[in-house]
Amino acid sequence: GFGYFVIAVASLMTGSAAAAFVAGTIAFFAPCCSGVMMPTYLAAISGHKPVRTAMLTAIYIAGVATIVWPITMGAGAIGSLTSRFHPQLFIVGGLIMLATAVALWRGTMLSLPFARQPEMTGSVGSVFALGVFSGAITACCAPVLAGAVALSALNGSALGGFILGGAYIMGIVFPLVVIAIF
């Protein structure tokens, strides 16, 4: 009965969380993400003692999470509200994906609304701002982020979106954490 249901949901969530983590790691290695995240992160942590590096890493990750978590949690909440219309939404989503593919194939570029990068002062606030900027830059990996958002929407709850968004965030910052350790 209920125990099997809980096990099935936990198994699904574990697989989805692993997929979201892998998607985040893949997104990091896209040139547009690593080309921004790596230099900003290294600039933020360079020259600090290990304890301060760990603190600045956590603040940087919090900045990234400020952008990604609302997206995945919102998708989870919307997924729970729209579960009655799955067939129609799959058709609309497929059409949007096809339109995006055609736009990318034609070379259409979407510009980000940033006029300049945040200035580096070495403060906690600037490291958080760099994390927020880096979180926004992950939109350049829209297909990968869309996969994490789709997993969140299919999960059908804001809590599921929070968990899957956290897995995606941990995946995208995992290489940076490894760098910080060494």
N, C-alpha and C. Protein backbone atom coordinates (compact mmCIF):
# COMPACT_ATOMS: atom_id res chain seq x y z
N GLY A 1 0.79 -1.17 0.00
CA GLY A 1 0.00 0.00 0.00
C GLY A 1 0.85 1.26 0.00
N PHE A 2 0.70 2.00 1.08
CA PHE A 2 1.32 3.32 1.19
C PHE A 2 2.84 3.23 1.19
N GLY A 3 3.40 2.19 1.81
CA GLY A 3 4.85 2.03 1.86
C GLY A 3 5.46 1.88 0.48
N TYR A 4 4.78 1.12 -0.39
CA TYR A 4 5.26 0.96 -1.76
C TYR A 4 5.20 2.29 -2.52
N PHE A 5 4.16 3.06 -2.24
CA PHE A 5 4.04 4.38 -2.87
C PHE A 5 5.19 5.28 -2.46
N VAL A 6 5.51 5.30 -1.17
CA VAL A 6 6.61 6.13 -0.67
C VAL A 6 7.93 5.68 -1.29
N ILE A 7 8.15 4.39 -1.38
CA ILE A 7 9.39 3.87 -1.98
C ILE A 7 9.45 4.26 -3.46
N ALA A 8 8.34 4.16 -4.18
CA ALA A 8 8.32 4.53 -5.60
C ALA A 8 8.61 6.00 -5.79
N VAL A 9 8.01 6.86 -4.96
CA VAL A 9 8.25 8.30 -5.06
C VAL A 9 9.70 8.62 -4.71
N ALA A 10 10.23 8.00 -3.66
CA ALA A 10 11.62 8.24 -3.28
C ALA A 10 12.58 7.78 -4.38
N SER A 11 12.29 6.65 -5.00
CA SER A 11 13.14 6.16 -6.09
C SER A 11 13.12 7.12 -7.28
N LEU A 12 11.92 7.58 -7.62
CA LEU A 12 11.79 8.53 -8.73
C LEU A 12 12.53 9.82 -8.41
N MET A 13 12.37 10.34 -7.19
CA MET A 13 13.02 11.59 -6.81
C MET A 13 14.53 11.44 -6.81
N THR A 14 15.03 10.29 -6.32
CA THR A 14 16.48 10.06 -6.30
C THR A 14 17.03 10.05 -7.72
N GLY A 15 16.37 9.36 -8.63
CA GLY A 15 16.82 9.33 -10.03
C GLY A 15 16.73 10.70 -10.66
N SER A 16 15.68 11.43 -10.38
CA SER A 16 15.53 12.78 -10.93
C SER A 16 16.58 13.73 -10.36
N ALA A 17 16.86 13.59 -9.06
CA ALA A 17 17.88 14.44 -8.44
C ALA A 17 19.26 14.14 -9.03
N ALA A 18 19.54 12.87 -9.25
CA ALA A 18 20.82 12.51 -9.88
C ALA A 18 20.90 13.08 -11.29
N ALA A 19 19.79 13.00 -12.02
CA ALA A 19 19.76 13.55 -13.38
C ALA A 19 19.95 15.06 -13.35
N ALA A 20 19.33 15.74 -12.38
CA ALA A 20 19.48 17.19 -12.26
C ALA A 20 20.92 17.56 -11.90
N PHE A 21 21.57 16.77 -11.03
CA PHE A 21 22.96 17.02 -10.67
C PHE A 21 23.87 16.88 -11.90
N VAL A 22 23.67 15.81 -12.65
CA VAL A 22 24.47 15.59 -13.87
C VAL A 22 24.21 16.70 -14.88
N ALA A 23 22.95 17.12 -15.01
CA ALA A 23 22.62 18.21 -15.93
C ALA A 23 23.34 19.49 -15.52
N GLY A 24 23.39 19.77 -14.22
CA GLY A 24 24.11 20.95 -13.74
C GLY A 24 25.59 20.88 -14.06
N THR A 25 26.18 19.72 -13.86
CA THR A 25 27.61 19.55 -14.16
C THR A 25 27.87 19.72 -15.65
N ILE A 26 26.99 19.17 -16.47
CA ILE A 26 27.12 19.34 -17.92
C ILE A 26 27.00 20.81 -18.29
N ALA A 27 26.04 21.50 -17.68
CA ALA A 27 25.83 22.92 -17.96
C ALA A 27 27.08 23.73 -17.61
N PHE A 28 27.75 23.37 -16.52
CA PHE A 28 28.95 24.11 -16.14
C PHE A 28 30.00 24.07 -17.24
N PHE A 29 30.14 22.93 -17.89
CA PHE A 29 31.19 22.78 -18.89
C PHE A 29 30.85 23.38 -20.25
N ALA A 30 29.67 23.96 -20.39
CA ALA A 30 29.36 24.72 -21.61
C ALA A 30 30.24 25.97 -21.60
N PRO A 31 30.80 26.35 -22.73
CA PRO A 31 31.73 27.48 -22.77
C PRO A 31 31.15 28.78 -22.19
N CYS A 32 29.87 29.02 -22.41
CA CYS A 32 29.30 30.26 -21.91
C CYS A 32 29.20 30.26 -20.38
N CYS A 33 29.02 29.09 -19.77
CA CYS A 33 28.93 29.03 -18.31
C CYS A 33 30.32 29.03 -17.67
N SER A 34 31.15 28.08 -18.07
CA SER A 34 32.47 28.00 -17.45
C SER A 34 33.31 29.22 -17.79
N GLY A 35 33.08 29.81 -18.95
CA GLY A 35 33.83 31.00 -19.35
C GLY A 35 33.54 32.21 -18.48
N VAL A 36 32.39 32.20 -17.82
CA VAL A 36 32.05 33.29 -16.89
C VAL A 36 32.23 32.84 -15.45
N MET A 37 31.73 31.66 -15.13
CA MET A 37 31.75 31.22 -13.74
C MET A 37 33.17 30.99 -13.21
N MET A 38 34.00 30.36 -14.01
CA MET A 38 35.35 30.05 -13.54
C MET A 38 36.15 31.31 -13.20
N PRO A 39 36.26 32.29 -14.11
CA PRO A 39 37.05 33.49 -13.76
C PRO A 39 36.45 34.30 -12.61
N THR A 40 35.12 34.43 -12.58
CA THR A 40 34.53 35.22 -11.49
C THR A 40 34.70 34.52 -10.15
N TYR A 41 34.54 33.22 -10.15
CA TYR A 41 34.71 32.48 -8.90
C TYR A 41 36.16 32.53 -8.43
N LEU A 42 37.10 32.29 -9.34
CA LEU A 42 38.51 32.31 -8.96
C LEU A 42 38.93 33.70 -8.47
N ALA A 43 38.41 34.74 -9.10
CA ALA A 43 38.72 36.09 -8.64
C ALA A 43 38.15 36.34 -7.25
N ALA A 44 37.00 35.78 -6.98
CA ALA A 44 36.36 35.98 -5.68
C ALA A 44 37.09 35.27 -4.54
N ILE A 45 37.66 34.09 -4.80
CA ILE A 45 38.26 33.32 -3.71
C ILE A 45 39.78 33.42 -3.65
N SER A 46 40.41 33.99 -4.67
CA SER A 46 41.87 33.96 -4.71
C SER A 46 42.47 34.78 -3.57
N GLY A 47 43.53 34.24 -3.02
CA GLY A 47 44.29 34.92 -1.99
C GLY A 47 43.69 34.86 -0.61
N HIS A 48 42.72 34.02 -0.37
CA HIS A 48 42.09 33.94 0.95
C HIS A 48 42.48 32.65 1.64
N LYS A 49 42.41 32.68 2.96
CA LYS A 49 42.70 31.48 3.76
C LYS A 49 41.55 30.48 3.58
N PRO A 50 41.80 29.20 3.89
CA PRO A 50 40.80 28.15 3.64
C PRO A 50 39.41 28.43 4.25
N VAL A 51 39.36 28.93 5.47
CA VAL A 51 38.06 29.17 6.10
C VAL A 51 37.31 30.26 5.35
N ARG A 52 38.00 31.33 4.99
CA ARG A 52 37.35 32.41 4.24
C ARG A 52 36.96 31.93 2.83
N THR A 53 37.81 31.09 2.22
CA THR A 53 37.48 30.53 0.91
C THR A 53 36.20 29.71 0.99
N ALA A 54 36.06 28.90 2.03
CA ALA A 54 34.84 28.10 2.20
C ALA A 54 33.62 29.01 2.38
N MET A 55 33.77 30.09 3.16
CA MET A 55 32.66 31.01 3.38
C MET A 55 32.29 31.72 2.08
N LEU A 56 33.28 32.19 1.33
CA LEU A 56 33.01 32.87 0.07
C LEU A 56 32.41 31.91 -0.96
N THR A 57 32.82 30.65 -0.93
CA THR A 57 32.24 29.65 -1.82
C THR A 57 30.76 29.47 -1.51
N ALA A 58 30.41 29.38 -0.23
CA ALA A 58 29.01 29.24 0.17
C ALA A 58 28.20 30.46 -0.26
N ILE A 59 28.77 31.64 -0.14
CA ILE A 59 28.07 32.87 -0.52
C ILE A 59 27.89 32.91 -2.04
N TYR A 60 28.90 32.50 -2.78
CA TYR A 60 28.81 32.44 -4.24
C TYR A 60 27.71 31.47 -4.66
N ILE A 61 27.67 30.30 -4.03
CA ILE A 61 26.63 29.31 -4.33
C ILE A 61 25.25 29.87 -4.00
N ALA A 62 25.15 30.60 -2.89
CA ALA A 62 23.87 31.22 -2.53
C ALA A 62 23.42 32.21 -3.60
N GLY A 63 24.37 32.94 -4.19
CA GLY A 63 24.04 33.85 -5.28
C GLY A 63 23.51 33.11 -6.49
N VAL A 64 24.15 32.00 -6.85
CA VAL A 64 23.67 31.19 -7.97
C VAL A 64 22.27 30.66 -7.66
N ALA A 65 22.08 30.19 -6.43
CA ALA A 65 20.79 29.63 -6.02
C ALA A 65 19.68 30.67 -6.05
N THR A 66 20.02 31.93 -5.84
CA THR A 66 19.02 33.01 -5.87
C THR A 66 18.33 33.08 -7.22
N ILE A 67 19.03 32.70 -8.26
CA ILE A 67 18.44 32.71 -9.61
C ILE A 67 17.78 31.38 -9.93
N VAL A 68 18.45 30.27 -9.66
CA VAL A 68 17.98 28.97 -10.12
C VAL A 68 16.81 28.43 -9.30
N TRP A 69 16.85 28.56 -7.98
CA TRP A 69 15.80 27.97 -7.15
C TRP A 69 14.40 28.53 -7.44
N PRO A 70 14.24 29.83 -7.58
CA PRO A 70 12.88 30.29 -7.90
C PRO A 70 12.35 29.71 -9.22
N ILE A 71 13.23 29.48 -10.17
CA ILE A 71 12.80 28.92 -11.45
C ILE A 71 12.31 27.48 -11.27
N THR A 72 13.11 26.65 -10.58
CA THR A 72 12.72 25.25 -10.42
C THR A 72 11.55 25.09 -9.46
N MET A 73 11.51 25.88 -8.39
CA MET A 73 10.39 25.79 -7.46
C MET A 73 9.10 26.27 -8.13
N GLY A 74 9.21 27.34 -8.92
CA GLY A 74 8.05 27.83 -9.65
C GLY A 74 7.54 26.80 -10.64
N ALA A 75 8.46 26.12 -11.31
CA ALA A 75 8.06 25.08 -12.26
C ALA A 75 7.36 23.94 -11.53
N GLY A 76 7.88 23.58 -10.36
CA GLY A 76 7.22 22.53 -9.59
C GLY A 76 5.82 22.93 -9.16
N ALA A 77 5.67 24.17 -8.72
CA ALA A 77 4.35 24.66 -8.30
C ALA A 77 3.39 24.73 -9.48
N ILE A 78 3.88 25.23 -10.60
CA ILE A 78 3.03 25.30 -11.80
C ILE A 78 2.67 23.89 -12.27
N GLY A 79 3.62 22.96 -12.16
CA GLY A 79 3.35 21.57 -12.53
C GLY A 79 2.22 20.97 -11.71
N SER A 80 2.18 21.32 -10.43
CA SER A 80 1.10 20.79 -9.60
C SER A 80 -0.24 21.41 -9.96
N LEU A 81 -0.23 22.67 -10.42
CA LEU A 81 -1.48 23.34 -10.79
C LEU A 81 -2.01 22.92 -12.16
N THR A 82 -1.09 22.51 -13.02
CA THR A 82 -1.50 22.23 -14.40
C THR A 82 -1.52 20.73 -14.74
N SER A 83 -1.51 19.90 -13.72
CA SER A 83 -1.45 18.46 -13.99
C SER A 83 -2.66 17.96 -14.77
N ARG A 84 -3.76 18.69 -14.73
CA ARG A 84 -4.96 18.27 -15.47
C ARG A 84 -4.78 18.42 -16.98
N PHE A 85 -3.83 19.27 -17.41
CA PHE A 85 -3.70 19.59 -18.82
C PHE A 85 -2.41 19.05 -19.44
N HIS A 86 -1.91 17.90 -18.93
CA HIS A 86 -0.64 17.37 -19.43
C HIS A 86 -0.59 17.18 -20.94
N PRO A 87 -1.56 16.55 -21.56
CA PRO A 87 -1.45 16.34 -23.01
C PRO A 87 -1.33 17.65 -23.80
N GLN A 88 -2.15 18.63 -23.43
CA GLN A 88 -2.11 19.90 -24.14
C GLN A 88 -0.78 20.63 -23.88
N LEU A 89 -0.31 20.57 -22.64
CA LEU A 89 0.95 21.25 -22.31
C LEU A 89 2.14 20.59 -23.00
N PHE A 90 2.11 19.27 -23.15
CA PHE A 90 3.19 18.59 -23.85
C PHE A 90 3.24 19.04 -25.31
N ILE A 91 2.11 19.21 -25.92
CA ILE A 91 2.06 19.68 -27.31
C ILE A 91 2.59 21.11 -27.40
N VAL A 92 2.13 21.98 -26.52
CA VAL A 92 2.60 23.38 -26.53
C VAL A 92 4.09 23.44 -26.23
N GLY A 93 4.54 22.67 -25.23
CA GLY A 93 5.96 22.64 -24.91
C GLY A 93 6.80 22.14 -26.07
N GLY A 94 6.31 21.10 -26.75
CA GLY A 94 7.03 20.58 -27.92
C GLY A 94 7.13 21.61 -29.03
N LEU A 95 6.05 22.35 -29.25
CA LEU A 95 6.07 23.40 -30.28
C LEU A 95 7.05 24.52 -29.90
N ILE A 96 7.09 24.87 -28.62
CA ILE A 96 8.04 25.89 -28.17
C ILE A 96 9.47 25.40 -28.35
N MET A 97 9.72 24.13 -28.05
CA MET A 97 11.07 23.58 -28.23
C MET A 97 11.45 23.57 -29.71
N LEU A 98 10.51 23.21 -30.58
CA LEU A 98 10.79 23.23 -32.01
C LEU A 98 11.07 24.66 -32.49
N ALA A 99 10.29 25.63 -32.02
CA ALA A 99 10.51 27.02 -32.40
C ALA A 99 11.88 27.51 -31.92
N THR A 100 12.27 27.09 -30.72
CA THR A 100 13.59 27.46 -30.20
C THR A 100 14.68 26.83 -31.04
N ALA A 101 14.50 25.57 -31.43
CA ALA A 101 15.50 24.89 -32.27
C ALA A 101 15.65 25.60 -33.61
N VAL A 102 14.53 26.00 -34.21
CA VAL A 102 14.59 26.71 -35.49
C VAL A 102 15.29 28.05 -35.31
N ALA A 103 14.98 28.77 -34.22
CA ALA A 103 15.62 30.06 -33.98
C ALA A 103 17.13 29.90 -33.80
N LEU A 104 17.54 28.87 -33.05
CA LEU A 104 18.98 28.63 -32.87
C LEU A 104 19.64 28.20 -34.17
N TRP A 105 18.94 27.38 -34.96
CA TRP A 105 19.48 26.93 -36.24
C TRP A 105 19.68 28.11 -37.18
N ARG A 106 18.77 29.09 -37.14
CA ARG A 106 18.87 30.27 -38.00
C ARG A 106 19.92 31.25 -37.49
N GLY A 107 20.44 31.02 -36.29
CA GLY A 107 21.46 31.90 -35.75
C GLY A 107 20.91 33.05 -34.93
N THR A 108 19.66 32.98 -34.55
CA THR A 108 19.06 34.04 -33.73
C THR A 108 19.70 34.01 -32.35
N MET A 109 20.17 35.15 -31.89
CA MET A 109 20.82 35.24 -30.59
C MET A 109 19.92 36.00 -29.62
N LEU A 110 19.83 35.51 -28.41
CA LEU A 110 19.11 36.21 -27.36
C LEU A 110 20.14 36.95 -26.52
N SER A 111 19.93 38.24 -26.34
CA SER A 111 20.90 39.00 -25.55
C SER A 111 20.45 39.08 -24.11
N LEU A 112 21.42 39.03 -23.21
CA LEU A 112 21.14 39.17 -21.79
C LEU A 112 21.06 40.65 -21.44
N PRO A 113 20.24 41.00 -20.46
CA PRO A 113 20.03 42.42 -20.16
C PRO A 113 21.10 43.05 -19.27
N PHE A 114 22.30 42.51 -19.25
CA PHE A 114 23.35 43.06 -18.41
C PHE A 114 24.21 44.03 -19.21
N ALA A 115 24.36 45.25 -18.71
CA ALA A 115 25.20 46.23 -19.38
C ALA A 115 26.67 46.01 -19.04
N ARG A 116 26.92 45.57 -17.82
CA ARG A 116 28.31 45.35 -17.41
C ARG A 116 28.33 44.33 -16.28
N GLN A 117 29.51 43.78 -16.03
CA GLN A 117 29.66 42.83 -14.94
C GLN A 117 29.80 43.59 -13.62
N PRO A 118 29.41 42.96 -12.51
CA PRO A 118 29.58 43.61 -11.21
C PRO A 118 31.06 43.85 -10.93
N GLU A 119 31.35 44.94 -10.24
CA GLU A 119 32.74 45.24 -9.90
C GLU A 119 33.20 44.38 -8.75
N MET A 120 34.47 44.00 -8.78
CA MET A 120 35.05 43.19 -7.72
C MET A 120 35.66 44.07 -6.66
N THR A 121 35.17 43.96 -5.45
CA THR A 121 35.77 44.69 -4.34
C THR A 121 36.28 43.74 -3.27
N GLY A 122 35.96 42.45 -3.42
CA GLY A 122 36.40 41.47 -2.45
C GLY A 122 35.45 41.34 -1.27
N SER A 123 34.37 42.09 -1.25
CA SER A 123 33.45 42.02 -0.13
C SER A 123 32.50 40.85 -0.29
N VAL A 124 31.83 40.50 0.80
CA VAL A 124 30.85 39.43 0.77
C VAL A 124 29.73 39.77 -0.21
N GLY A 125 29.31 41.03 -0.22
CA GLY A 125 28.26 41.46 -1.14
C GLY A 125 28.65 41.29 -2.60
N SER A 126 29.90 41.61 -2.91
CA SER A 126 30.32 41.48 -4.31
C SER A 126 30.42 40.01 -4.72
N VAL A 127 30.82 39.14 -3.80
CA VAL A 127 30.88 37.71 -4.11
C VAL A 127 29.46 37.18 -4.33
N PHE A 128 28.50 37.63 -3.50
CA PHE A 128 27.10 37.23 -3.71
C PHE A 128 26.61 37.74 -5.06
N ALA A 129 26.94 39.00 -5.40
CA ALA A 129 26.52 39.58 -6.69
C ALA A 129 27.13 38.79 -7.85
N LEU A 130 28.37 38.35 -7.70
CA LEU A 130 28.98 37.53 -8.75
C LEU A 130 28.25 36.19 -8.87
N GLY A 131 27.83 35.63 -7.75
CA GLY A 131 27.06 34.40 -7.79
C GLY A 131 25.72 34.59 -8.50
N VAL A 132 25.05 35.71 -8.20
CA VAL A 132 23.78 36.02 -8.87
C VAL A 132 24.01 36.18 -10.37
N PHE A 133 25.05 36.93 -10.73
CA PHE A 133 25.39 37.13 -12.14
C PHE A 133 25.67 35.78 -12.80
N SER A 134 26.43 34.93 -12.13
CA SER A 134 26.74 33.60 -12.68
C SER A 134 25.49 32.75 -12.79
N GLY A 135 24.59 32.86 -11.84
CA GLY A 135 23.32 32.13 -11.92
C GLY A 135 22.52 32.57 -13.13
N ALA A 136 22.53 33.88 -13.40
CA ALA A 136 21.82 34.39 -14.57
C ALA A 136 22.48 33.92 -15.86
N ILE A 137 23.80 33.83 -15.85
CA ILE A 137 24.53 33.39 -17.03
C ILE A 137 24.21 31.94 -17.37
N THR A 138 23.80 31.14 -16.38
CA THR A 138 23.47 29.74 -16.68
C THR A 138 22.30 29.65 -17.65
N ALA A 139 21.60 30.75 -17.87
CA ALA A 139 20.52 30.74 -18.86
C ALA A 139 21.06 30.51 -20.27
N CYS A 140 22.36 30.73 -20.48
CA CYS A 140 22.92 30.46 -21.80
C CYS A 140 22.90 28.97 -22.10
N CYS A 141 22.78 28.16 -21.08
CA CYS A 141 22.65 26.71 -21.24
C CYS A 141 21.18 26.35 -21.11
N ALA A 142 20.34 27.11 -21.76
CA ALA A 142 18.88 26.98 -21.60
C ALA A 142 18.37 25.56 -21.81
N PRO A 143 18.85 24.80 -22.79
CA PRO A 143 18.30 23.45 -22.94
C PRO A 143 18.58 22.57 -21.72
N VAL A 144 19.75 22.72 -21.11
CA VAL A 144 20.08 21.91 -19.94
C VAL A 144 19.25 22.38 -18.75
N LEU A 145 19.18 23.69 -18.54
CA LEU A 145 18.36 24.23 -17.46
C LEU A 145 16.90 23.86 -17.68
N ALA A 146 16.45 23.87 -18.93
CA ALA A 146 15.07 23.50 -19.23
C ALA A 146 14.80 22.05 -18.83
N GLY A 147 15.79 21.20 -18.95
CA GLY A 147 15.62 19.81 -18.51
C GLY A 147 15.39 19.74 -17.01
N ALA A 148 16.17 20.50 -16.24
CA ALA A 148 15.97 20.52 -14.78
C ALA A 148 14.62 21.13 -14.43
N VAL A 149 14.22 22.15 -15.16
CA VAL A 149 12.92 22.77 -14.94
C VAL A 149 11.80 21.79 -15.28
N ALA A 150 11.97 21.05 -16.37
CA ALA A 150 10.96 20.05 -16.77
C ALA A 150 10.84 18.96 -15.72
N LEU A 151 11.96 18.50 -15.18
CA LEU A 151 11.91 17.51 -14.10
C LEU A 151 11.15 18.06 -12.91
N SER A 152 11.39 19.34 -12.59
CA SER A 152 10.70 19.98 -11.47
C SER A 152 9.21 20.08 -11.73
N ALA A 153 8.84 20.45 -12.95
CA ALA A 153 7.42 20.58 -13.29
C ALA A 153 6.73 19.22 -13.26
N LEU A 154 7.40 18.19 -13.77
CA LEU A 154 6.80 16.86 -13.76
C LEU A 154 6.67 16.31 -12.35
N ASN A 155 7.57 16.75 -11.46
CA ASN A 155 7.47 16.34 -10.06
C ASN A 155 6.19 16.86 -9.44
N GLY A 156 5.78 18.06 -9.82
CA GLY A 156 4.49 18.58 -9.42
C GLY A 156 4.39 19.17 -8.04
N SER A 157 5.51 19.62 -7.46
CA SER A 157 5.42 20.30 -6.17
C SER A 157 6.57 21.28 -6.03
N ALA A 158 6.33 22.33 -5.25
CA ALA A 158 7.40 23.31 -5.01
C ALA A 158 8.54 22.66 -4.24
N LEU A 159 8.23 21.74 -3.32
CA LEU A 159 9.27 21.04 -2.58
C LEU A 159 10.13 20.20 -3.52
N GLY A 160 9.48 19.51 -4.45
CA GLY A 160 10.24 18.74 -5.44
C GLY A 160 11.10 19.65 -6.30
N GLY A 161 10.56 20.82 -6.67
CA GLY A 161 11.35 21.79 -7.42
C GLY A 161 12.54 22.29 -6.62
N PHE A 162 12.35 22.44 -5.31
CA PHE A 162 13.43 22.87 -4.43
C PHE A 162 14.54 21.82 -4.39
N ILE A 163 14.15 20.55 -4.25
CA ILE A 163 15.13 19.47 -4.19
C ILE A 163 15.86 19.32 -5.52
N LEU A 164 15.11 19.30 -6.61
CA LEU A 164 15.73 19.14 -7.93
C LEU A 164 16.56 20.37 -8.30
N GLY A 165 16.09 21.55 -7.94
CA GLY A 165 16.87 22.76 -8.17
C GLY A 165 18.17 22.74 -7.38
N GLY A 166 18.10 22.25 -6.13
CA GLY A 166 19.31 22.12 -5.32
C GLY A 166 20.30 21.15 -5.93
N ALA A 167 19.78 20.05 -6.47
CA ALA A 167 20.67 19.08 -7.13
C ALA A 167 21.33 19.71 -8.36
N TYR A 168 20.56 20.47 -9.14
CA TYR A 168 21.10 21.15 -10.32
C TYR A 168 22.17 22.17 -9.90
N ILE A 169 21.87 22.94 -8.87
CA ILE A 169 22.83 23.95 -8.37
C ILE A 169 24.11 23.27 -7.91
N MET A 170 23.97 22.18 -7.16
CA MET A 170 25.16 21.48 -6.69
C MET A 170 25.96 20.92 -7.86
N GLY A 171 25.27 20.49 -8.90
CA GLY A 171 25.98 20.00 -10.08
C GLY A 171 26.75 21.09 -10.79
N ILE A 172 26.13 22.27 -10.90
CA ILE A 172 26.78 23.34 -11.66
C ILE A 172 27.95 23.96 -10.88
N VAL A 173 27.90 23.89 -9.55
CA VAL A 173 29.02 24.45 -8.78
C VAL A 173 30.00 23.38 -8.32
N PHE A 174 29.69 22.11 -8.56
CA PHE A 174 30.57 21.03 -8.12
C PHE A 174 32.01 21.21 -8.59
N PRO A 175 32.26 21.53 -9.87
CA PRO A 175 33.66 21.73 -10.29
C PRO A 175 34.33 22.88 -9.53
N LEU A 176 33.57 23.90 -9.18
CA LEU A 176 34.15 25.03 -8.44
C LEU A 176 34.50 24.61 -7.01
N VAL A 177 33.67 23.78 -6.42
CA VAL A 177 33.96 23.28 -5.06
C VAL A 177 35.22 22.42 -5.08
N VAL A 178 35.36 21.60 -6.11
CA VAL A 178 36.57 20.79 -6.24
C VAL A 178 37.80 21.69 -6.34
N ILE A 179 37.69 22.76 -7.13
CA ILE A 179 38.80 23.71 -7.25
C ILE A 179 39.11 24.34 -5.90
N ALA A 180 38.07 24.71 -5.16
CA ALA A 180 38.27 25.34 -3.85
C ALA A 180 38.98 24.40 -2.88
N ILE A 181 38.65 23.11 -2.96
CA ILE A 181 39.28 22.14 -2.07
C ILE A 181 40.78 22.05 -2.33
N PHE A 182 41.15 22.11 -3.61
CA PHE A 182 42.57 21.99 -3.95
C PHE A 182 43.24 23.33 -4.02
